[in-house]
Amino acid sequence: MPMELNAVLAQRIDLSPGLAVIRVVPEGWDLEEFTPGQFCVLGLPGSAPRAEGSEADKEPVAPEKMIKRAYSIASSPITSEYLEIYVVMVPDGALTPRLFALNVGDKLWLGPKVTGHFTLETVPEDKHVLMLGTGTGLAPYVSMVRTYLVAGGERHFGIMHGARHSWELGYENELRTLDRVCSNFAYRPSITRPQLEPTPWTGDSGYIQDLWKQRPFDEFLPAPASPDNTHVFLCGNPAMIETMQQVLADEGYSEHTPKQPGQIHIEKYW
């Protein structure tokens, strides 16, 4: 028996071609509580159309097959009416071209269970949190900051977000505003192709694993970041994560696992 399309696309904000923030609302049922940093599963049948400009399916997909993929949640659990997802279209992907073909009001499938261990639950409250992400790997951090950031609080949060172009820096306005009004929050965006900007880019450029070595958060934190006072979250491109793991290991950080507590928390996106 085919799965029922049990949710509705309530909002879609296109940030640039192939990059959007969407809100999905369950239809006739309530969302379960979740923890910032967790992910949900979205789905559409193979019969759903693909967005204009996307490529054909790599392999034929049966019309009745439900194509499902996991997506980190950007909204806060404080808001329980919808889930907000930060999504990029993969032109030859199976699901995202179908998601980008949806209009507001169209139906899709939303998995009833939210799960994941990429959360702050294992981080002591007296430790600061620095979050490094590329592309849509920013999403779980947005959920965390929206939920846990207390303006002027003792715990400091920092986000370093890497993208190719400035127009791919999702949530930039929101995060820059928080950076201005919250003394315990810092936002450090960086782009890797500043030469392609329509107007001169005056911010940081380069890969975030290289920028980390410049100690970009030390002046913002009460004391320079170290394994004794800071936990580091890594999300997005596996190459960035692999490089940062080694960089952090050289500084004395260790990966957190269920059996061995550490200060590095990892979520790979592919």
Protein backbone atom coordinates (compact mmCIF):
# COMPACT_ATOMS: atom_id res chain seq x y z
CA MET A 1 0.00 0.00 0.00
CA PRO A 2 1.54 3.36 -1.02
CA MET A 3 2.45 5.86 1.69
CA GLU A 4 0.04 8.74 2.12
CA LEU A 5 1.24 12.28 1.46
CA ASN A 6 0.66 13.54 4.98
CA ALA A 7 2.10 17.06 4.96
CA VAL A 8 1.89 20.35 3.07
CA LEU A 9 4.49 22.78 1.80
CA ALA A 10 3.41 25.89 3.72
CA GLN A 11 6.19 28.29 2.73
CA ARG A 12 9.10 28.47 0.34
CA ILE A 13 11.73 31.20 0.28
CA ASP A 14 14.13 30.96 -2.65
CA LEU A 15 17.50 32.37 -1.60
CA SER A 16 19.16 31.76 -4.96
CA PRO A 17 18.59 29.35 -7.86
CA GLY A 18 18.55 25.88 -6.34
CA LEU A 19 18.74 27.03 -2.71
CA ALA A 20 15.67 27.52 -0.53
CA VAL A 21 14.21 27.56 2.95
CA ILE A 22 10.96 25.61 3.14
CA ARG A 23 8.40 25.05 5.88
CA VAL A 24 6.51 21.78 6.05
CA VAL A 25 3.29 21.42 8.06
CA PRO A 26 1.80 18.02 9.01
CA GLU A 27 -1.76 17.55 7.81
CA GLY A 28 -4.13 16.10 10.37
CA TRP A 29 -1.47 15.11 12.91
CA ASP A 30 0.92 16.76 15.36
CA LEU A 31 4.68 16.94 15.22
CA GLU A 32 6.53 15.13 17.96
CA GLU A 33 8.94 17.05 20.16
CA PHE A 34 12.52 17.14 18.96
CA THR A 35 15.92 18.37 20.06
CA PRO A 36 17.82 21.04 18.08
CA GLY A 37 20.34 19.35 15.80
CA GLN A 38 18.11 16.42 14.90
CA PHE A 39 16.76 15.59 11.44
CA CYS A 40 13.50 14.62 9.79
CA VAL A 41 12.73 12.61 6.64
CA LEU A 42 10.88 14.03 3.63
CA GLY A 43 9.55 12.08 0.69
CA LEU A 44 7.79 12.25 -2.66
CA PRO A 45 6.72 9.47 -5.06
CA GLY A 46 8.65 8.70 -8.19
CA SER A 47 5.68 10.00 -10.18
CA ALA A 48 6.24 13.54 -8.85
CA PRO A 49 7.61 15.93 -11.51
CA ARG A 50 11.16 17.23 -11.45
CA ALA A 51 11.98 20.94 -11.35
CA GLU A 52 12.79 22.77 -14.54
CA GLY A 53 16.54 22.91 -15.10
CA SER A 54 17.26 19.67 -13.25
CA GLU A 55 18.71 16.60 -14.89
CA ALA A 56 16.97 13.30 -15.52
CA ASP A 57 17.01 10.56 -12.89
CA LYS A 58 20.26 8.61 -12.95
CA GLU A 59 18.22 5.42 -12.84
CA PRO A 60 14.50 4.88 -13.55
CA VAL A 61 12.29 5.34 -10.48
CA ALA A 62 9.04 3.42 -10.17
CA PRO A 63 6.10 5.87 -10.06
CA GLU A 64 4.75 4.35 -6.87
CA LYS A 65 8.10 4.29 -5.04
CA MET A 66 8.44 6.82 -2.21
CA ILE A 67 11.78 8.59 -2.49
CA LYS A 68 12.91 9.54 1.03
CA ARG A 69 15.83 11.59 2.30
CA ALA A 70 16.92 12.96 5.69
CA TYR A 71 17.17 16.71 6.29
CA SER A 72 18.42 18.60 9.33
CA ILE A 73 15.82 20.85 10.92
CA ALA A 74 16.51 24.59 11.07
CA SER A 75 13.44 25.60 13.07
CA SER A 76 13.32 25.58 16.85
CA PRO A 77 11.15 23.09 18.75
CA ILE A 78 9.72 26.15 20.47
CA THR A 79 7.69 26.48 17.28
CA SER A 80 5.71 23.26 16.95
CA GLU A 81 3.44 24.07 13.99
CA TYR A 82 5.98 23.37 11.24
CA LEU A 83 9.47 22.12 10.44
CA GLU A 84 11.81 24.46 8.60
CA ILE A 85 14.34 22.92 6.22
CA TYR A 86 17.33 24.54 4.47
CA VAL A 87 17.71 22.65 1.21
CA VAL A 88 19.87 22.77 -1.92
CA MET A 89 18.82 21.18 -5.19
CA VAL A 90 21.12 18.45 -6.47
CA PRO A 91 20.44 18.60 -10.24
CA ASP A 92 20.79 14.85 -10.77
CA GLY A 93 19.44 13.87 -7.35
CA ALA A 94 16.34 11.77 -6.83
CA LEU A 95 14.40 13.88 -4.34
CA THR A 96 15.52 17.51 -4.28
CA PRO A 97 14.54 18.24 -7.93
CA ARG A 98 11.07 16.98 -7.04
CA LEU A 99 10.96 19.10 -3.89
CA PHE A 100 11.88 22.18 -5.92
CA ALA A 101 9.01 21.46 -8.32
CA LEU A 102 6.50 21.85 -5.48
CA ASN A 103 4.39 24.96 -5.04
CA VAL A 104 3.07 26.27 -1.76
CA GLY A 105 0.03 24.18 -0.88
CA ASP A 106 1.32 21.01 -2.55
CA LYS A 107 1.53 17.81 -0.56
CA LEU A 108 4.55 15.71 0.35
CA TRP A 109 5.44 12.97 2.82
CA LEU A 110 6.92 13.80 6.23
CA GLY A 111 8.21 11.02 8.45
CA PRO A 112 6.54 11.09 11.87
CA LYS A 113 9.79 10.39 13.72
CA VAL A 114 12.54 12.95 14.29
CA THR A 115 15.90 11.56 15.36
CA GLY A 116 19.65 12.18 15.53
CA HIS A 117 22.47 12.57 18.05
CA PHE A 118 24.06 15.79 16.74
CA THR A 119 22.79 17.82 19.68
CA LEU A 120 24.01 19.80 22.67
CA GLU A 121 22.66 17.26 25.14
CA THR A 122 26.12 15.85 25.91
CA VAL A 123 27.84 19.24 26.14
CA PRO A 124 28.30 20.56 29.70
CA GLU A 125 26.47 23.85 30.19
CA ASP A 126 29.64 25.62 31.28
CA LYS A 127 31.35 24.94 27.94
CA HIS A 128 31.23 27.32 24.99
CA VAL A 129 30.04 26.03 21.60
CA LEU A 130 31.66 26.80 18.24
CA MET A 131 29.82 25.52 15.18
CA LEU A 132 31.50 25.13 11.79
CA GLY A 133 29.45 24.26 8.73
CA THR A 134 29.43 24.37 4.95
CA GLY A 135 26.41 24.87 2.71
CA THR A 136 23.16 23.59 4.18
CA GLY A 137 25.19 22.11 7.04
CA LEU A 138 24.30 25.39 8.74
CA ALA A 139 20.73 24.20 9.41
CA PRO A 140 21.18 22.38 12.75
CA TYR A 141 23.10 25.36 14.13
CA VAL A 142 20.24 27.71 13.32
CA SER A 143 17.92 25.46 15.32
CA MET A 144 20.37 25.39 18.22
CA VAL A 145 20.90 29.14 18.34
CA ARG A 146 17.19 29.88 18.01
CA THR A 147 16.57 27.62 21.00
CA TYR A 148 19.51 27.98 23.37
CA LEU A 149 21.09 31.40 22.81
CA VAL A 150 20.42 33.71 25.74
CA ALA A 151 21.54 37.27 24.98
CA GLY A 152 24.32 38.22 27.34
CA GLY A 153 24.46 34.74 28.86
CA GLU A 154 27.64 33.15 30.15
CA ARG A 155 27.74 30.46 27.45
CA HIS A 156 29.14 31.79 24.18
CA PHE A 157 28.07 30.50 20.76
CA GLY A 158 29.96 31.03 17.51
CA ILE A 159 29.06 30.06 13.96
CA MET A 160 31.49 29.90 11.05
CA HIS A 161 29.67 29.26 7.77
CA GLY A 162 31.39 28.54 4.48
CA ALA A 163 29.87 28.84 1.00
CA ARG A 164 31.04 29.48 -2.53
CA HIS A 165 29.18 32.78 -3.00
CA SER A 166 27.63 35.41 -0.73
CA TRP A 167 24.17 34.63 -2.07
CA GLU A 168 24.57 31.10 -0.72
CA LEU A 169 24.98 32.30 2.87
CA GLY A 170 21.55 31.30 4.10
CA TYR A 171 20.22 32.97 7.27
CA GLU A 172 22.91 35.64 6.91
CA ASN A 173 20.67 38.55 7.93
CA GLU A 174 19.35 36.73 10.99
CA LEU A 175 22.81 35.69 12.13
CA ARG A 176 24.37 39.11 11.52
CA THR A 177 21.62 40.66 13.61
CA LEU A 178 22.29 38.24 16.46
CA ASP A 179 25.99 39.04 16.16
CA ARG A 180 25.22 42.74 16.64
CA VAL A 181 22.79 42.45 19.54
CA CYS A 182 24.17 39.48 21.50
CA SER A 183 27.56 39.95 23.11
CA ASN A 184 27.88 36.18 23.53
CA PHE A 185 27.28 35.27 19.89
CA ALA A 186 29.63 35.59 16.91
CA TYR A 187 28.97 34.95 13.22
CA ARG A 188 31.88 34.45 10.84
CA PRO A 189 30.81 33.83 7.22
CA SER A 190 33.33 33.06 4.51
CA ILE A 191 33.13 32.54 0.76
CA THR A 192 35.57 30.70 -1.48
CA ARG A 193 34.97 32.52 -4.78
CA PRO A 194 35.09 36.24 -3.95
CA GLN A 195 36.29 37.08 -7.46
CA LEU A 196 32.83 36.19 -8.80
CA GLU A 197 30.93 38.60 -6.55
CA PRO A 198 28.98 41.34 -8.39
CA THR A 199 30.23 43.86 -5.82
CA PRO A 200 33.49 43.65 -3.89
CA TRP A 201 33.34 41.20 -0.99
CA THR A 202 34.85 42.71 2.15
CA GLY A 203 34.39 39.76 4.48
CA ASP A 204 36.47 36.65 5.03
CA SER A 205 37.30 34.43 2.07
CA GLY A 206 38.73 30.95 1.94
CA TYR A 207 37.95 27.57 3.39
CA ILE A 208 36.82 27.55 6.98
CA GLN A 209 39.41 24.92 7.92
CA ASP A 210 42.07 27.46 6.95
CA LEU A 211 40.33 30.37 8.68
CA TRP A 212 40.13 28.37 11.91
CA LYS A 213 43.91 28.49 12.14
CA GLN A 214 43.64 32.29 12.40
CA ARG A 215 41.82 31.85 15.73
CA PRO A 216 38.77 33.90 14.64
CA PHE A 217 36.85 33.44 17.88
CA ASP A 218 39.58 34.09 20.45
CA GLU A 219 38.83 37.79 20.93
CA PHE A 220 35.14 37.08 21.27
CA LEU A 221 35.43 34.30 23.86
CA PRO A 222 36.19 35.05 27.52
CA ALA A 223 39.38 32.99 27.04
CA PRO A 224 40.95 31.49 23.89
CA ALA A 225 39.18 28.36 22.69
CA SER A 226 40.67 25.13 24.02
CA PRO A 227 39.47 21.59 24.82
CA ASP A 228 39.07 22.73 28.43
CA ASN A 229 36.45 25.38 27.73
CA THR A 230 34.98 24.74 24.25
CA HIS A 231 33.18 22.09 22.23
CA VAL A 232 33.33 22.22 18.41
CA PHE A 233 30.58 21.04 16.07
CA LEU A 234 31.34 20.11 12.44
CA CYS A 235 28.64 19.67 9.81
CA GLY A 236 28.61 19.53 6.01
CA ASN A 237 31.30 18.68 3.50
CA PRO A 238 33.22 15.52 4.54
CA ALA A 239 36.49 17.02 3.28
CA MET A 240 36.10 19.97 5.66
CA ILE A 241 35.19 17.65 8.51
CA GLU A 242 38.15 15.34 7.92
CA THR A 243 40.59 18.24 7.75
CA MET A 244 39.14 19.96 10.81
CA GLN A 245 39.27 16.72 12.81
CA GLN A 246 43.02 16.59 12.29
CA VAL A 247 43.48 20.31 12.96
CA LEU A 248 41.50 20.03 16.19
CA ALA A 249 43.27 16.83 17.22
CA ASP A 250 46.57 18.69 16.91
CA GLU A 251 45.14 21.25 19.35
CA GLY A 252 44.20 18.57 21.86
CA TYR A 253 40.52 18.06 21.01
CA SER A 254 39.07 14.56 20.66
CA GLU A 255 35.97 13.22 18.93
CA HIS A 256 32.94 12.63 21.10
CA THR A 257 31.54 9.09 20.97
CA PRO A 258 28.96 7.29 23.11
CA LYS A 259 31.74 5.38 24.86
CA GLN A 260 34.37 8.12 24.97
CA PRO A 261 33.32 11.72 25.71
CA GLY A 262 35.14 14.36 23.68
CA GLN A 263 34.88 17.92 22.43
CA ILE A 264 34.38 17.32 18.66
CA HIS A 265 30.85 16.56 17.43
CA ILE A 266 30.37 15.46 13.81
CA GLU A 267 27.54 15.27 11.28
CA LYS A 268 28.52 14.29 7.72
CA TYR A 269 26.08 15.28 4.97
CA TRP A 270 27.09 12.71 2.36
